[in-house]
Amino acid sequence: MTTTAAQEAFLRAFHAEHPAVTAEAFGGGRGPDGQSSYEILCQRVAGSRRVLDLGCGDGLLLEHLARSEGRQLAGVDLSPESLFLARRRPALSGARLEEGRAQSLPFADDSFDACVSHMALMLMSDVDLVAAEIARVLSPGGVLACVLGGGAVGGEAYERFVALLRSTVADVPASRRVPALGDRRTRSRDGLDAILGPAGFTAPDWETVPIDLSGSADEVWDVVSRVYDLGPLDRTAVERLREDFLAEVTETASPDGRVPCAFKIHVATARVR
């Protein structure tokens, strides 16, 4: 069984090398209404003045949140390299950005009206403790809004990439595989409710949204190849995966060269009772 220390060591090492990986992968994606997953999340906490970003990374979500004047913003992340990039964003000059663990947040009780988390909660170990910490730092009635990965839409490039990746990973030794990350309960509404309910949250609202990541074959590869699983692989394995992927998806391209690629997200929202 993978320990929390091993999981967090992997995440720190990966983000030291790729400090803006999540924003680079998903920042250009758009839902059916033309909004990015970051913009969708911002809508869920509209009107909240004091907002914490849990797993804030390079600060892209906080930068979106800063567009509403008068907000007091804070972010916490395991990666000092990601936080370095966040601190360079002019819009975040007044934000409190802390290196730390979600299981032991460096904030006082009742510090925030809202907590957001973009593709991060699902990676965290000891997630029941994380939920208790979020509830602690939120005021009564405070909202938790998070984006969670939902997998491939189906019949497009991301689904093909996942199938090829699984085949690649199956052929490499355990030392070249990503440690098990997060808690499987975050992948469903009922599972998330089982985590959040005991911490004092209402049953979560749950919406599944397809995010379009289409582009040229090379652009799509640049997006899908940012997954954690490629981190431990050697260059030969990654290049072979890339060649196989490009060979498969090129045949799906439209006349203008655009390869269809989409990824589902779950947008979950709950309040402290």
C-alpha atoms as a PDB file:
ATOM      1  CA  MET A   1       0.000   0.000   0.000  1.00  0.00           C
ATOM      2  CA  THR A   2       1.361   3.422  -0.952  1.00  0.00           C
ATOM      3  CA  THR A   3       1.972   5.713   2.003  1.00  0.00           C
ATOM      4  CA  THR A   4       0.886   9.333   2.213  1.00  0.00           C
ATOM      5  CA  ALA A   5       4.549  10.350   2.392  1.00  0.00           C
ATOM      6  CA  ALA A   6       5.334   8.482  -0.845  1.00  0.00           C
ATOM      7  CA  GLN A   7       2.332  10.014  -2.618  1.00  0.00           C
ATOM      8  CA  GLU A   8       3.253  13.528  -1.598  1.00  0.00           C
ATOM      9  CA  ALA A   9       6.926  12.992  -2.437  1.00  0.00           C
ATOM     10  CA  PHE A  10       5.910  11.970  -5.955  1.00  0.00           C
ATOM     11  CA  LEU A  11       3.625  14.995  -6.368  1.00  0.00           C
ATOM     12  CA  ARG A  12       6.308  17.380  -5.124  1.00  0.00           C
ATOM     13  CA  ALA A  13       8.890  15.916  -7.489  1.00  0.00           C
ATOM     14  CA  PHE A  14       6.540  15.957 -10.476  1.00  0.00           C
ATOM     15  CA  HIS A  15       5.447  19.549  -9.922  1.00  0.00           C
ATOM     16  CA  ALA A  16       9.025  20.652  -9.322  1.00  0.00           C
ATOM     17  CA  GLU A  17       9.646  19.659 -12.937  1.00  0.00           C
ATOM     18  CA  HIS A  18       6.219  20.703 -14.245  1.00  0.00           C
ATOM     19  CA  PRO A  19       5.032  23.545 -11.977  1.00  0.00           C
ATOM     20  CA  ALA A  20       2.208  24.769 -14.231  1.00  0.00           C
ATOM     21  CA  VAL A  21       1.113  21.405 -15.601  1.00  0.00           C
ATOM     22  CA  THR A  22      -2.588  21.568 -14.688  1.00  0.00           C
ATOM     23  CA  ALA A  23      -3.114  25.065 -16.035  1.00  0.00           C
ATOM     24  CA  GLU A  24      -1.225  24.173 -19.218  1.00  0.00           C
ATOM     25  CA  ALA A  25      -3.349  21.086 -19.746  1.00  0.00           C
ATOM     26  CA  PHE A  26      -6.785  22.503 -18.958  1.00  0.00           C
ATOM     27  CA  GLY A  27      -6.507  26.277 -19.282  1.00  0.00           C
ATOM     28  CA  GLY A  28      -7.375  26.173 -22.978  1.00  0.00           C
ATOM     29  CA  GLY A  29     -10.246  23.694 -22.680  1.00  0.00           C
ATOM     30  CA  ARG A  30     -13.829  24.903 -23.021  1.00  0.00           C
ATOM     31  CA  GLY A  31     -17.214  23.587 -21.975  1.00  0.00           C
ATOM     32  CA  PRO A  32     -20.350  23.704 -24.140  1.00  0.00           C
ATOM     33  CA  ASP A  33     -21.003  27.307 -23.071  1.00  0.00           C
ATOM     34  CA  GLY A  34     -17.491  28.416 -24.015  1.00  0.00           C
ATOM     35  CA  GLN A  35     -16.225  28.643 -20.440  1.00  0.00           C
ATOM     36  CA  SER A  36     -13.090  26.976 -19.132  1.00  0.00           C
ATOM     37  CA  SER A  37     -13.244  24.653 -16.147  1.00  0.00           C
ATOM     38  CA  TYR A  38     -11.640  27.458 -14.129  1.00  0.00           C
ATOM     39  CA  GLU A  39     -14.375  29.909 -15.096  1.00  0.00           C
ATOM     40  CA  ILE A  40     -17.067  27.347 -14.305  1.00  0.00           C
ATOM     41  CA  LEU A  41     -15.596  26.941 -10.840  1.00  0.00           C
ATOM     42  CA  CYS A  42     -15.466  30.693 -10.283  1.00  0.00           C
ATOM     43  CA  GLN A  43     -19.191  30.895 -10.945  1.00  0.00           C
ATOM     44  CA  ARG A  44     -19.868  28.461  -8.123  1.00  0.00           C
ATOM     45  CA  VAL A  45     -18.436  30.886  -5.562  1.00  0.00           C
ATOM     46  CA  ALA A  46     -19.696  34.133  -7.050  1.00  0.00           C
ATOM     47  CA  GLY A  47     -20.397  36.580  -4.248  1.00  0.00           C
ATOM     48  CA  SER A  48     -17.946  34.986  -1.815  1.00  0.00           C
ATOM     49  CA  ARG A  49     -15.444  37.543  -0.548  1.00  0.00           C
ATOM     50  CA  ARG A  50     -12.867  35.431   1.302  1.00  0.00           C
ATOM     51  CA  VAL A  51     -11.796  32.513  -0.898  1.00  0.00           C
ATOM     52  CA  LEU A  52      -9.220  29.766  -0.407  1.00  0.00           C
ATOM     53  CA  ASP A  53      -7.807  27.793  -3.346  1.00  0.00           C
ATOM     54  CA  LEU A  54      -6.829  24.312  -2.177  1.00  0.00           C
ATOM     55  CA  GLY A  55      -4.015  22.998  -4.361  1.00  0.00           C
ATOM     56  CA  CYS A  56      -3.650  26.365  -6.081  1.00  0.00           C
ATOM     57  CA  GLY A  57      -0.684  25.394  -8.263  1.00  0.00           C
ATOM     58  CA  ASP A  58       0.613  28.235 -10.403  1.00  0.00           C
ATOM     59  CA  GLY A  59      -2.316  30.480  -9.435  1.00  0.00           C
ATOM     60  CA  LEU A  60      -4.438  30.461 -12.601  1.00  0.00           C
ATOM     61  CA  LEU A  61      -7.704  29.889 -10.719  1.00  0.00           C
ATOM     62  CA  LEU A  62      -6.826  32.559  -8.153  1.00  0.00           C
ATOM     63  CA  GLU A  63      -6.097  34.974 -10.990  1.00  0.00           C
ATOM     64  CA  HIS A  64      -9.607  34.359 -12.338  1.00  0.00           C
ATOM     65  CA  LEU A  65     -11.049  34.901  -8.861  1.00  0.00           C
ATOM     66  CA  ALA A  66      -9.112  38.151  -8.487  1.00  0.00           C
ATOM     67  CA  ARG A  67     -11.134  39.689 -11.304  1.00  0.00           C
ATOM     68  CA  SER A  68     -13.882  40.357  -8.743  1.00  0.00           C
ATOM     69  CA  GLU A  69     -12.816  43.402  -6.758  1.00  0.00           C
ATOM     70  CA  GLY A  70     -12.613  43.364  -2.988  1.00  0.00           C
ATOM     71  CA  ARG A  71     -11.815  39.707  -2.595  1.00  0.00           C
ATOM     72  CA  GLN A  72      -9.415  38.388   0.014  1.00  0.00           C
ATOM     73  CA  LEU A  73      -7.654  35.444  -1.614  1.00  0.00           C
ATOM     74  CA  ALA A  74      -5.437  32.701  -0.274  1.00  0.00           C
ATOM     75  CA  GLY A  75      -3.897  29.593  -1.759  1.00  0.00           C
ATOM     76  CA  VAL A  76      -2.085  26.558  -0.432  1.00  0.00           C
ATOM     77  CA  ASP A  77      -0.019  24.011  -2.356  1.00  0.00           C
ATOM     78  CA  LEU A  78       2.605  21.339  -1.778  1.00  0.00           C
ATOM     79  CA  SER A  79       4.860  22.646  -4.539  1.00  0.00           C
ATOM     80  CA  PRO A  80       7.170  25.605  -3.875  1.00  0.00           C
ATOM     81  CA  GLU A  81       7.950  25.757  -7.595  1.00  0.00           C
ATOM     82  CA  SER A  82       4.262  26.165  -8.475  1.00  0.00           C
ATOM     83  CA  LEU A  83       3.825  28.779  -5.766  1.00  0.00           C
ATOM     84  CA  PHE A  84       6.802  30.692  -7.159  1.00  0.00           C
ATOM     85  CA  LEU A  85       4.883  31.070 -10.431  1.00  0.00           C
ATOM     86  CA  ALA A  86       1.707  32.058  -8.575  1.00  0.00           C
ATOM     87  CA  ARG A  87       3.547  34.820  -6.709  1.00  0.00           C
ATOM     88  CA  ARG A  88       4.725  36.268 -10.021  1.00  0.00           C
ATOM     89  CA  ARG A  89       1.147  36.984 -11.130  1.00  0.00           C
ATOM     90  CA  PRO A  90       0.490  40.723 -10.577  1.00  0.00           C
ATOM     91  CA  ALA A  91      -3.166  40.064  -9.769  1.00  0.00           C
ATOM     92  CA  LEU A  92      -2.100  37.949  -6.776  1.00  0.00           C
ATOM     93  CA  SER A  93       0.200  40.493  -5.139  1.00  0.00           C
ATOM     94  CA  GLY A  94      -2.197  40.770  -2.211  1.00  0.00           C
ATOM     95  CA  ALA A  95      -3.025  37.069  -1.911  1.00  0.00           C
ATOM     96  CA  ARG A  96      -1.726  34.912   0.907  1.00  0.00           C
ATOM     97  CA  LEU A  97       0.070  31.990  -0.739  1.00  0.00           C
ATOM     98  CA  GLU A  98       1.295  29.233   1.557  1.00  0.00           C
ATOM     99  CA  GLU A  99       3.290  26.060   1.052  1.00  0.00           C
ATOM    100  CA  GLY A 100       1.501  23.406   3.058  1.00  0.00           C
ATOM    101  CA  ARG A 101      -0.661  20.312   3.282  1.00  0.00           C
ATOM    102  CA  ALA A 102      -4.429  20.227   2.954  1.00  0.00           C
ATOM    103  CA  GLN A 103      -4.529  17.855   5.917  1.00  0.00           C
ATOM    104  CA  SER A 104      -3.192  20.617   8.175  1.00  0.00           C
ATOM    105  CA  LEU A 105      -4.158  23.997   6.782  1.00  0.00           C
ATOM    106  CA  PRO A 106      -2.186  27.026   8.015  1.00  0.00           C
ATOM    107  CA  PHE A 107      -5.311  29.139   8.556  1.00  0.00           C
ATOM    108  CA  ALA A 108      -7.506  29.979  11.522  1.00  0.00           C
ATOM    109  CA  ASP A 109     -11.039  28.738  12.042  1.00  0.00           C
ATOM    110  CA  ASP A 110     -13.771  30.585  10.082  1.00  0.00           C
ATOM    111  CA  SER A 111     -11.223  32.289   7.809  1.00  0.00           C
ATOM    112  CA  PHE A 112     -13.082  31.872   4.513  1.00  0.00           C
ATOM    113  CA  ASP A 113     -16.509  32.105   2.909  1.00  0.00           C
ATOM    114  CA  ALA A 114     -15.569  29.671   0.152  1.00  0.00           C
ATOM    115  CA  CYS A 115     -12.971  27.052  -0.742  1.00  0.00           C
ATOM    116  CA  VAL A 116     -12.273  26.026  -4.341  1.00  0.00           C
ATOM    117  CA  SER A 117     -10.155  23.204  -5.674  1.00  0.00           C
ATOM    118  CA  HIS A 118      -9.397  22.454  -9.334  1.00  0.00           C
ATOM    119  CA  MET A 119      -8.307  18.878 -10.109  1.00  0.00           C
ATOM    120  CA  ALA A 120      -6.593  18.608  -6.729  1.00  0.00           C
ATOM    121  CA  LEU A 121      -8.957  17.152  -4.113  1.00  0.00           C
ATOM    122  CA  MET A 122      -9.057  13.852  -5.995  1.00  0.00           C
ATOM    123  CA  LEU A 123      -5.260  13.492  -5.605  1.00  0.00           C
ATOM    124  CA  MET A 124      -5.156  13.946  -1.843  1.00  0.00           C
ATOM    125  CA  SER A 125      -4.631  11.176   0.679  1.00  0.00           C
ATOM    126  CA  ASP A 126      -6.302  11.176   4.101  1.00  0.00           C
ATOM    127  CA  VAL A 127      -9.143  12.998   2.368  1.00  0.00           C
ATOM    128  CA  ASP A 128     -11.478  12.678   5.363  1.00  0.00           C
ATOM    129  CA  LEU A 129      -9.010  14.791   7.309  1.00  0.00           C
ATOM    130  CA  VAL A 130      -8.846  17.216   4.375  1.00  0.00           C
ATOM    131  CA  ALA A 131     -12.643  17.572   4.482  1.00  0.00           C
ATOM    132  CA  ALA A 132     -12.536  18.265   8.222  1.00  0.00           C
ATOM    133  CA  GLU A 133      -9.861  20.929   7.698  1.00  0.00           C
ATOM    134  CA  ILE A 134     -11.862  22.614   4.940  1.00  0.00           C
ATOM    135  CA  ALA A 135     -14.927  22.684   7.186  1.00  0.00           C
ATOM    136  CA  ARG A 136     -12.827  24.137   9.995  1.00  0.00           C
ATOM    137  CA  VAL A 137     -11.520  27.087   8.000  1.00  0.00           C
ATOM    138  CA  LEU A 138     -14.906  27.842   6.404  1.00  0.00           C
ATOM    139  CA  SER A 139     -17.531  29.954   8.106  1.00  0.00           C
ATOM    140  CA  PRO A 140     -20.979  28.411   8.744  1.00  0.00           C
ATOM    141  CA  GLY A 141     -22.765  28.270   5.417  1.00  0.00           C
ATOM    142  CA  GLY A 142     -19.455  28.488   3.567  1.00  0.00           C
ATOM    143  CA  VAL A 143     -19.222  26.741   0.231  1.00  0.00           C
ATOM    144  CA  LEU A 144     -16.789  24.153  -1.084  1.00  0.00           C
ATOM    145  CA  ALA A 145     -16.645  23.981  -4.901  1.00  0.00           C
ATOM    146  CA  CYS A 146     -14.322  21.600  -6.664  1.00  0.00           C
ATOM    147  CA  VAL A 147     -13.573  20.282 -10.137  1.00  0.00           C
ATOM    148  CA  LEU A 148     -12.817  16.571 -10.262  1.00  0.00           C
ATOM    149  CA  GLY A 149     -11.629  14.519 -13.223  1.00  0.00           C
ATOM    150  CA  GLY A 150     -14.308  12.438 -14.912  1.00  0.00           C
ATOM    151  CA  GLY A 151     -12.376  10.619 -17.630  1.00  0.00           C
ATOM    152  CA  ALA A 152     -12.856  10.418 -21.372  1.00  0.00           C
ATOM    153  CA  VAL A 153     -16.062  11.424 -23.089  1.00  0.00           C
ATOM    154  CA  GLY A 154     -15.633   8.458 -25.438  1.00  0.00           C
ATOM    155  CA  GLY A 155     -14.938   7.988 -29.115  1.00  0.00           C
ATOM    156  CA  GLU A 156     -12.247  10.652 -29.268  1.00  0.00           C
ATOM    157  CA  ALA A 157      -8.517  11.181 -28.781  1.00  0.00           C
ATOM    158  CA  TYR A 158      -8.407  11.141 -24.998  1.00  0.00           C
ATOM    159  CA  GLU A 159     -10.055   7.721 -24.864  1.00  0.00           C
ATOM    160  CA  ARG A 160      -7.494   6.416 -27.350  1.00  0.00           C
ATOM    161  CA  PHE A 161      -4.666   7.929 -25.321  1.00  0.00           C
ATOM    162  CA  VAL A 162      -5.872   6.243 -22.111  1.00  0.00           C
ATOM    163  CA  ALA A 163      -6.004   2.849 -23.832  1.00  0.00           C
ATOM    164  CA  LEU A 164      -2.491   3.247 -25.228  1.00  0.00           C
ATOM    165  CA  LEU A 165      -1.185   4.508 -21.898  1.00  0.00           C
ATOM    166  CA  ARG A 166      -2.567   1.509 -20.038  1.00  0.00           C
ATOM    167  CA  SER A 167      -0.852  -0.827 -22.487  1.00  0.00           C
ATOM    168  CA  THR A 168       2.423   1.075 -22.088  1.00  0.00           C
ATOM    169  CA  VAL A 169       2.318   1.117 -18.294  1.00  0.00           C
ATOM    170  CA  ALA A 170       1.481  -2.599 -18.159  1.00  0.00           C
ATOM    171  CA  ASP A 171       4.836  -3.355 -19.782  1.00  0.00           C
ATOM    172  CA  VAL A 172       7.028  -1.328 -17.399  1.00  0.00           C
ATOM    173  CA  PRO A 173       8.333  -2.338 -13.958  1.00  0.00           C
ATOM    174  CA  ALA A 174       6.596  -1.097 -10.811  1.00  0.00           C
ATOM    175  CA  SER A 175       9.413   1.396 -10.224  1.00  0.00           C
ATOM    176  CA  ARG A 176       8.334   3.189 -13.403  1.00  0.00           C
ATOM    177  CA  ARG A 177       4.701   3.530 -12.370  1.00  0.00           C
ATOM    178  CA  VAL A 178       2.908   6.333 -10.573  1.00  0.00           C
ATOM    179  CA  PRO A 179       1.982   5.525  -6.965  1.00  0.00           C
ATOM    180  CA  ALA A 180      -1.731   5.243  -6.265  1.00  0.00           C
ATOM    181  CA  LEU A 181      -2.988   8.770  -5.706  1.00  0.00           C
ATOM    182  CA  GLY A 182      -6.044  10.048  -3.889  1.00  0.00           C
ATOM    183  CA  ASP A 183      -9.235   8.362  -2.767  1.00  0.00           C
ATOM    184  CA  ARG A 184     -11.558   6.590  -5.211  1.00  0.00           C
ATOM    185  CA  ARG A 185     -14.597   7.940  -3.367  1.00  0.00           C
ATOM    186  CA  THR A 186     -14.002  11.368  -4.907  1.00  0.00           C
ATOM    187  CA  ARG A 187     -14.966   9.929  -8.303  1.00  0.00           C
ATOM    188  CA  SER A 188     -18.699   9.745  -7.544  1.00  0.00           C
ATOM    189  CA  ARG A 189     -21.323  11.915  -5.882  1.00  0.00           C
ATOM    190  CA  ASP A 190     -22.168   9.274  -3.286  1.00  0.00           C
ATOM    191  CA  GLY A 191     -18.504   8.715  -2.533  1.00  0.00           C
ATOM    192  CA  LEU A 192     -17.853  12.410  -2.097  1.00  0.00           C
ATOM    193  CA  ASP A 193     -20.905  12.694   0.147  1.00  0.00           C
ATOM    194  CA  ALA A 194     -19.461   9.922   2.328  1.00  0.00           C
ATOM    195  CA  ILE A 195     -16.331  12.057   2.730  1.00  0.00           C
ATOM    196  CA  LEU A 196     -17.953  15.448   3.213  1.00  0.00           C
ATOM    197  CA  GLY A 197     -21.024  14.500   5.262  1.00  0.00           C
ATOM    198  CA  PRO A 198     -19.186  13.480   8.457  1.00  0.00           C
ATOM    199  CA  ALA A 199     -17.182  16.737   8.229  1.00  0.00           C
ATOM    200  CA  GLY A 200     -20.406  18.750   8.423  1.00  0.00           C
ATOM    201  CA  PHE A 201     -21.213  19.444   4.766  1.00  0.00           C
ATOM    202  CA  THR A 202     -24.529  19.184   2.972  1.00  0.00           C
ATOM    203  CA  ALA A 203     -24.935  16.559   0.254  1.00  0.00           C
ATOM    204  CA  PRO A 204     -22.999  17.837  -2.773  1.00  0.00           C
ATOM    205  CA  ASP A 205     -24.580  19.138  -5.925  1.00  0.00           C
ATOM    206  CA  TRP A 206     -22.969  17.287  -8.824  1.00  0.00           C
ATOM    207  CA  GLU A 207     -22.719  18.294 -12.466  1.00  0.00           C
ATOM    208  CA  THR A 208     -20.785  16.550 -15.230  1.00  0.00           C
ATOM    209  CA  VAL A 209     -19.462  18.818 -17.985  1.00  0.00           C
ATOM    210  CA  PRO A 210     -17.546  17.846 -21.149  1.00  0.00           C
ATOM    211  CA  ILE A 211     -14.478  19.981 -21.785  1.00  0.00           C
ATOM    212  CA  ASP A 212     -13.348  20.300 -25.389  1.00  0.00           C
ATOM    213  CA  LEU A 213      -9.577  19.947 -25.792  1.00  0.00           C
ATOM    214  CA  SER A 214      -9.553  19.514 -29.574  1.00  0.00           C
ATOM    215  CA  GLY A 215      -6.736  20.791 -31.758  1.00  0.00           C
ATOM    216  CA  SER A 216      -4.098  19.553 -34.159  1.00  0.00           C
ATOM    217  CA  ALA A 217      -2.672  16.109 -33.406  1.00  0.00           C
ATOM    218  CA  ASP A 218       0.456  17.662 -31.881  1.00  0.00           C
ATOM    219  CA  GLU A 219      -1.599  20.122 -29.800  1.00  0.00           C
ATOM    220  CA  VAL A 220      -3.772  17.314 -28.456  1.00  0.00           C
ATOM    221  CA  TRP A 221      -0.704  15.254 -27.590  1.00  0.00           C
ATOM    222  CA  ASP A 222       0.714  18.257 -25.734  1.00  0.00           C
ATOM    223  CA  VAL A 223      -2.440  18.303 -23.591  1.00  0.00           C
ATOM    224  CA  VAL A 224      -2.982  14.602 -22.888  1.00  0.00           C
ATOM    225  CA  SER A 225       0.695  13.864 -22.284  1.00  0.00           C
ATOM    226  CA  ARG A 226       0.747  16.060 -19.181  1.00  0.00           C
ATOM    227  CA  VAL A 227      -0.729  13.296 -17.021  1.00  0.00           C
ATOM    228  CA  TYR A 228       1.207  12.057 -14.001  1.00  0.00           C
ATOM    229  CA  ASP A 229       1.618   8.568 -15.476  1.00  0.00           C
ATOM    230  CA  LEU A 230       4.218   9.750 -17.971  1.00  0.00           C
ATOM    231  CA  GLY A 231       6.446  11.193 -15.252  1.00  0.00           C
ATOM    232  CA  PRO A 232       8.270   7.980 -14.268  1.00  0.00           C
ATOM    233  CA  LEU A 233       8.491   6.569 -17.817  1.00  0.00           C
ATOM    234  CA  ASP A 234      11.765   6.696 -19.700  1.00  0.00           C
ATOM    235  CA  ARG A 235      12.079   8.746 -22.865  1.00  0.00           C
ATOM    236  CA  THR A 236      11.950   5.718 -25.135  1.00  0.00           C
ATOM    237  CA  ALA A 237       8.602   4.593 -23.730  1.00  0.00           C
ATOM    238  CA  VAL A 238       7.152   8.101 -23.950  1.00  0.00           C
ATOM    239  CA  GLU A 239       8.312   8.572 -27.532  1.00  0.00           C
ATOM    240  CA  ARG A 240       6.867   5.207 -28.549  1.00  0.00           C
ATOM    241  CA  LEU A 241       3.569   6.157 -26.901  1.00  0.00           C
ATOM    242  CA  ARG A 242       3.608   9.483 -28.734  1.00  0.00           C
ATOM    243  CA  GLU A 243       4.209   7.849 -32.104  1.00  0.00           C
ATOM    244  CA  ASP A 244       1.434   5.306 -31.554  1.00  0.00           C
ATOM    245  CA  PHE A 245      -0.954   8.017 -30.401  1.00  0.00           C
ATOM    246  CA  LEU A 246      -0.291  10.328 -33.333  1.00  0.00           C
ATOM    247  CA  ALA A 247      -0.677   7.437 -35.771  1.00  0.00           C
ATOM    248  CA  GLU A 248      -4.083   6.572 -34.320  1.00  0.00           C
ATOM    249  CA  VAL A 249      -5.576  10.044 -33.966  1.00  0.00           C
ATOM    250  CA  THR A 250      -4.408  11.486 -37.265  1.00  0.00           C
ATOM    251  CA  GLU A 251      -7.017   9.346 -39.008  1.00  0.00           C
ATOM    252  CA  THR A 252      -9.753  10.980 -36.894  1.00  0.00           C
ATOM    253  CA  ALA A 253      -8.836  14.529 -37.921  1.00  0.00           C
ATOM    254  CA  SER A 254     -11.318  16.719 -39.765  1.00  0.00           C
ATOM    255  CA  PRO A 255     -10.372  18.203 -43.151  1.00  0.00           C
ATOM    256  CA  ASP A 256      -8.865  21.232 -41.401  1.00  0.00           C
ATOM    257  CA  GLY A 257      -6.615  18.950 -39.317  1.00  0.00           C
ATOM    258  CA  ARG A 258      -8.529  19.273 -36.055  1.00  0.00           C
ATOM    259  CA  VAL A 259      -8.499  16.132 -33.899  1.00  0.00           C
ATOM    260  CA  PRO A 260     -11.544  15.689 -31.624  1.00  0.00           C
ATOM    261  CA  CYS A 261     -10.562  15.406 -27.967  1.00  0.00           C
ATOM    262  CA  ALA A 262     -12.713  15.842 -24.876  1.00  0.00           C
ATOM    263  CA  PHE A 263     -12.513  15.178 -21.166  1.00  0.00           C
ATOM    264  CA  LYS A 264     -15.308  15.043 -18.601  1.00  0.00           C
ATOM    265  CA  ILE A 265     -15.138  16.972 -15.362  1.00  0.00           C
ATOM    266  CA  HIS A 266     -17.392  16.720 -12.346  1.00  0.00           C
ATOM    267  CA  VAL A 267     -18.237  20.017 -10.662  1.00  0.00           C
ATOM    268  CA  ALA A 268     -19.222  19.392  -7.039  1.00  0.00           C
ATOM    269  CA  THR A 269     -20.567  21.997  -4.620  1.00  0.00           C
ATOM    270  CA  ALA A 270     -21.451  21.601  -0.935  1.00  0.00           C
ATOM    271  CA  ARG A 271     -21.986  23.901   2.042  1.00  0.00           C
ATOM    272  CA  VAL A 272     -21.040  23.736   5.680  1.00  0.00           C
ATOM    273  CA  ARG A 273     -24.217  23.112   7.667  1.00  0.00           C
END
